[in-house]
Every structure is written in structure tokens, then in C-alpha cells.
C-alpha atoms as a PDB file:
ATOM      1  CA  UNK A   1      40.488  17.801 -50.855  1.00  0.00           C
ATOM      2  CA  UNK A   2      38.414  19.213 -47.920  1.00  0.00           C
ATOM      3  CA  UNK A   3      38.604  17.750 -44.393  1.00  0.00           C
ATOM      4  CA  UNK A   4      35.416  16.210 -43.211  1.00  0.00           C
ATOM      5  CA  UNK A   5      34.523  17.137 -39.586  1.00  0.00           C
ATOM      6  CA  UNK A   6      32.078  14.953 -37.767  1.00  0.00           C
ATOM      7  CA  UNK A   7      29.893  15.568 -34.723  1.00  0.00           C
ATOM      8  CA  UNK A   8      29.540  19.050 -33.114  1.00  0.00           C
ATOM      9  CA  UNK A   9      32.485  20.264 -35.269  1.00  0.00           C
ATOM     10  CA  UNK A  10      30.239  20.143 -38.336  1.00  0.00           C
ATOM     11  CA  UNK A  11      27.941  22.713 -36.780  1.00  0.00           C
ATOM     12  CA  UNK A  12      30.774  24.863 -35.506  1.00  0.00           C
ATOM     13  CA  UNK A  13      32.384  24.821 -38.889  1.00  0.00           C
ATOM     14  CA  UNK A  14      29.152  25.730 -40.723  1.00  0.00           C
ATOM     15  CA  UNK A  15      28.530  28.635 -38.345  1.00  0.00           C
ATOM     16  CA  UNK A  16      32.082  29.847 -38.691  1.00  0.00           C
ATOM     17  CA  UNK A  17      31.886  29.667 -42.506  1.00  0.00           C
ATOM     18  CA  UNK A  18      28.524  31.475 -42.827  1.00  0.00           C
ATOM     19  CA  UNK A  19      28.621  33.715 -39.708  1.00  0.00           C
ATOM     20  CA  UNK A  20      27.892  36.857 -41.704  1.00  0.00           C
ATOM     21  CA  UNK A  21      24.582  35.376 -42.834  1.00  0.00           C
ATOM     22  CA  UNK A  22      23.528  33.812 -39.557  1.00  0.00           C
ATOM     23  CA  UNK A  23      21.463  35.917 -37.134  1.00  0.00           C
ATOM     24  CA  UNK A  24      21.325  33.385 -34.346  1.00  0.00           C
ATOM     25  CA  UNK A  25      21.516  29.713 -33.360  1.00  0.00           C
ATOM     26  CA  UNK A  26      18.772  27.877 -31.475  1.00  0.00           C
ATOM     27  CA  UNK A  27      18.801  24.411 -30.079  1.00  0.00           C
ATOM     28  CA  UNK A  28      15.475  22.656 -30.050  1.00  0.00           C
ATOM     29  CA  UNK A  29      13.656  19.345 -30.327  1.00  0.00           C
ATOM     30  CA  UNK A  30      13.324  18.081 -33.878  1.00  0.00           C
ATOM     31  CA  UNK A  31      10.878  15.207 -33.467  1.00  0.00           C
ATOM     32  CA  UNK A  32       8.565  13.228 -31.220  1.00  0.00           C
ATOM     33  CA  UNK A  33       8.239   9.512 -31.356  1.00  0.00           C
ATOM     34  CA  UNK A  34       4.724   8.100 -31.725  1.00  0.00           C
ATOM     35  CA  UNK A  35       4.884   5.172 -34.043  1.00  0.00           C
ATOM     36  CA  UNK A  36       7.915   6.365 -35.809  1.00  0.00           C
ATOM     37  CA  UNK A  37       9.524   9.763 -36.114  1.00  0.00           C
ATOM     38  CA  UNK A  38       7.359  12.693 -36.860  1.00  0.00           C
ATOM     39  CA  UNK A  39       9.524  15.705 -37.853  1.00  0.00           C
ATOM     40  CA  UNK A  40       7.702  18.734 -36.347  1.00  0.00           C
ATOM     41  CA  UNK A  41       9.242  21.379 -38.651  1.00  0.00           C
ATOM     42  CA  UNK A  42      12.430  22.467 -40.227  1.00  0.00           C
ATOM     43  CA  UNK A  43      14.433  25.413 -38.908  1.00  0.00           C
ATOM     44  CA  UNK A  44      12.913  27.714 -41.561  1.00  0.00           C
ATOM     45  CA  UNK A  45       9.422  26.587 -40.755  1.00  0.00           C
ATOM     46  CA  UNK A  46      10.049  27.100 -37.021  1.00  0.00           C
ATOM     47  CA  UNK A  47      11.321  30.608 -37.698  1.00  0.00           C
ATOM     48  CA  UNK A  48       8.224  31.306 -39.823  1.00  0.00           C
ATOM     49  CA  UNK A  49       5.977  30.001 -36.954  1.00  0.00           C
ATOM     50  CA  UNK A  50       7.614  32.364 -34.489  1.00  0.00           C
ATOM     51  CA  UNK A  51       7.281  35.262 -36.890  1.00  0.00           C
ATOM     52  CA  UNK A  52       3.670  34.676 -37.676  1.00  0.00           C
ATOM     53  CA  UNK A  53       2.807  34.084 -33.943  1.00  0.00           C
ATOM     54  CA  UNK A  54       4.625  37.408 -33.210  1.00  0.00           C
ATOM     55  CA  UNK A  55       6.973  35.712 -30.754  1.00  0.00           C
ATOM     56  CA  UNK A  56      10.082  37.861 -30.407  1.00  0.00           C
ATOM     57  CA  UNK A  57      13.481  36.321 -29.909  1.00  0.00           C
ATOM     58  CA  UNK A  58      13.726  37.680 -26.300  1.00  0.00           C
ATOM     59  CA  UNK A  59      10.390  35.926 -25.506  1.00  0.00           C
ATOM     60  CA  UNK A  60      11.450  32.644 -27.116  1.00  0.00           C
ATOM     61  CA  UNK A  61      12.949  30.830 -24.067  1.00  0.00           C
ATOM     62  CA  UNK A  62       9.863  31.426 -21.933  1.00  0.00           C
ATOM     63  CA  UNK A  63       7.529  30.393 -24.690  1.00  0.00           C
ATOM     64  CA  UNK A  64       9.469  27.236 -25.345  1.00  0.00           C
ATOM     65  CA  UNK A  65       9.773  26.282 -21.655  1.00  0.00           C
ATOM     66  CA  UNK A  66       6.096  26.816 -21.006  1.00  0.00           C
ATOM     67  CA  UNK A  67       4.961  24.709 -23.984  1.00  0.00           C
ATOM     68  CA  UNK A  68       7.604  22.018 -23.396  1.00  0.00           C
ATOM     69  CA  UNK A  69       6.220  21.690 -19.872  1.00  0.00           C
ATOM     70  CA  UNK A  70       2.662  21.516 -21.159  1.00  0.00           C
ATOM     71  CA  UNK A  71       3.518  18.679 -23.655  1.00  0.00           C
ATOM     72  CA  UNK A  72       5.526  16.778 -20.995  1.00  0.00           C
ATOM     73  CA  UNK A  73       2.604  17.055 -18.466  1.00  0.00           C
ATOM     74  CA  UNK A  74       0.120  15.911 -21.009  1.00  0.00           C
ATOM     75  CA  UNK A  75       2.257  12.812 -21.785  1.00  0.00           C
ATOM     76  CA  UNK A  76       2.609  12.088 -18.083  1.00  0.00           C
ATOM     77  CA  UNK A  77      -1.215  12.463 -17.627  1.00  0.00           C
ATOM     78  CA  UNK A  78      -1.932  10.225 -20.605  1.00  0.00           C
ATOM     79  CA  UNK A  79       0.464   7.522 -19.366  1.00  0.00           C
ATOM     80  CA  UNK A  80      -1.158   7.601 -15.889  1.00  0.00           C
ATOM     81  CA  UNK A  81      -4.705   7.540 -17.334  1.00  0.00           C
ATOM     82  CA  UNK A  82      -3.771   4.505 -19.416  1.00  0.00           C
ATOM     83  CA  UNK A  83      -1.991   2.809 -16.552  1.00  0.00           C
ATOM     84  CA  UNK A  84       1.287   2.769 -18.616  1.00  0.00           C
ATOM     85  CA  UNK A  85       4.790   3.699 -17.462  1.00  0.00           C
ATOM     86  CA  UNK A  86       6.310   7.154 -18.092  1.00  0.00           C
ATOM     87  CA  UNK A  87      10.091   6.877 -18.085  1.00  0.00           C
ATOM     88  CA  UNK A  88      12.798   9.511 -18.412  1.00  0.00           C
ATOM     89  CA  UNK A  89      15.787   8.094 -20.283  1.00  0.00           C
ATOM     90  CA  UNK A  90      19.083   9.703 -19.267  1.00  0.00           C
ATOM     91  CA  UNK A  91      21.387   7.624 -21.397  1.00  0.00           C
ATOM     92  CA  UNK A  92      21.500   6.703 -25.055  1.00  0.00           C
ATOM     93  CA  UNK A  93      19.298   3.624 -25.455  1.00  0.00           C
ATOM     94  CA  UNK A  94      17.516   1.970 -28.313  1.00  0.00           C
ATOM     95  CA  UNK A  95      13.995   3.242 -27.528  1.00  0.00           C
ATOM     96  CA  UNK A  96      12.183   0.990 -29.967  1.00  0.00           C
ATOM     97  CA  UNK A  97      13.833  -2.117 -28.449  1.00  0.00           C
ATOM     98  CA  UNK A  98      13.072  -0.941 -24.922  1.00  0.00           C
ATOM     99  CA  UNK A  99       9.374  -0.382 -25.900  1.00  0.00           C
ATOM    100  CA  UNK A 100       9.249  -3.930 -27.398  1.00  0.00           C
ATOM    101  CA  UNK A 101      10.646  -5.377 -24.205  1.00  0.00           C
ATOM    102  CA  UNK A 102       7.996  -3.552 -22.138  1.00  0.00           C
ATOM    103  CA  UNK A 103       5.252  -4.647 -24.576  1.00  0.00           C
ATOM    104  CA  UNK A 104       6.373  -8.216 -24.288  1.00  0.00           C
ATOM    105  CA  UNK A 105       6.798  -8.023 -20.525  1.00  0.00           C
ATOM    106  CA  UNK A 106       3.282  -6.540 -20.009  1.00  0.00           C
ATOM    107  CA  UNK A 107       1.672  -8.501 -22.845  1.00  0.00           C
ATOM    108  CA  UNK A 108       0.574  -5.376 -24.748  1.00  0.00           C
ATOM    109  CA  UNK A 109      -0.717  -6.242 -28.176  1.00  0.00           C
ATOM    110  CA  UNK A 110      -2.056  -2.747 -29.115  1.00  0.00           C
ATOM    111  CA  UNK A 111      -2.660   0.671 -27.549  1.00  0.00           C
ATOM    112  CA  UNK A 112      -0.138   2.648 -25.518  1.00  0.00           C
ATOM    113  CA  UNK A 113       2.899   0.715 -24.419  1.00  0.00           C
ATOM    114  CA  UNK A 114       4.800   3.404 -22.567  1.00  0.00           C
ATOM    115  CA  UNK A 115       5.904   7.121 -22.728  1.00  0.00           C
ATOM    116  CA  UNK A 116       9.613   7.969 -22.888  1.00  0.00           C
ATOM    117  CA  UNK A 117      10.893  11.409 -22.104  1.00  0.00           C
ATOM    118  CA  UNK A 118      14.263  12.059 -23.760  1.00  0.00           C
ATOM    119  CA  UNK A 119      16.353  15.239 -24.299  1.00  0.00           C
ATOM    120  CA  UNK A 120      17.898  14.941 -27.772  1.00  0.00           C
ATOM    121  CA  UNK A 121      19.252  18.471 -28.518  1.00  0.00           C
ATOM    122  CA  UNK A 122      19.322  19.613 -32.129  1.00  0.00           C
ATOM    123  CA  UNK A 123      20.914  22.742 -33.411  1.00  0.00           C
ATOM    124  CA  UNK A 124      18.916  25.057 -35.509  1.00  0.00           C
ATOM    125  CA  UNK A 125      20.167  27.981 -37.440  1.00  0.00           C
ATOM    126  CA  UNK A 126      18.196  31.144 -37.953  1.00  0.00           C
ATOM    127  CA  UNK A 127      19.110  32.781 -41.170  1.00  0.00           C
ATOM    128  CA  UNK A 128      17.436  34.727 -44.011  1.00  0.00           C
ATOM    129  CA  UNK A 129      15.465  31.694 -45.164  1.00  0.00           C
ATOM    130  CA  UNK A 130      15.697  29.543 -48.220  1.00  0.00           C
ATOM    131  CA  UNK A 131      17.306  31.047 -51.336  1.00  0.00           C
END
């Protein structure tokens, strides 16, 4: 029977097992919360996007930081324009419950309740694509 590894060990084990087929590992955001989770793309789709956009690996960090800042600034601007709070969450918290509390507190029935900024890292493997 195989040992089951939980948490970060799963990723390390996978990388170790398949290291000869893995070209790199990238950590990135996997979703944004609007009215539920919206998966932006899978790892393979992200790699395809970078390839089709002619973004080379050495340019990736700058590209991601620039666009992450654009998305964050837009969220801040929308929250300000709507008169709603923008809140950075540093600790693990149930975001949906917090949003419901804010909606109840401010008597929001529809429209923008708040904007949360959260760093939830997710590992992405860059390989040769689906087989």
C-alpha cells in the first residue's frame, strides 16, 4: 500500500517522481472570487497562453507582476468608485461569511458588497502538455 502524503508534500512528491518530464514549476493564482469561484485556466492552458503571447520564461515574472498590479489597482478603483471597502486579508478566513456580515452591517441587498485581496498561492507544473 502506498503512503498518502498531504499538503505541500504531495507537490514535492509529484515533482520528485516526475522530475525528468518537468521543465519548471510556477506558483500562481488559480481563481478570482466574484459570485463564486471562477477558474481562470489550468496549468496547461496558462502555458499555452504564454507561448501564444510569445512571453518567454525569463520575462514571466515581470509580466505577472505588472498585470497583477493592474488587476489589483482596478479592484481598488472600483471599490472606491462604488463607496465599498477594499480589504486585504492576511489570515485564513471564510470570505463568504465575512462578505455576508459586511452586507448585513451595511444593509446591501444587491450590487458590490466589498473587495477582498487575498494571496492564495497555488503550484503549477510546466510540462510537455496533456498526453
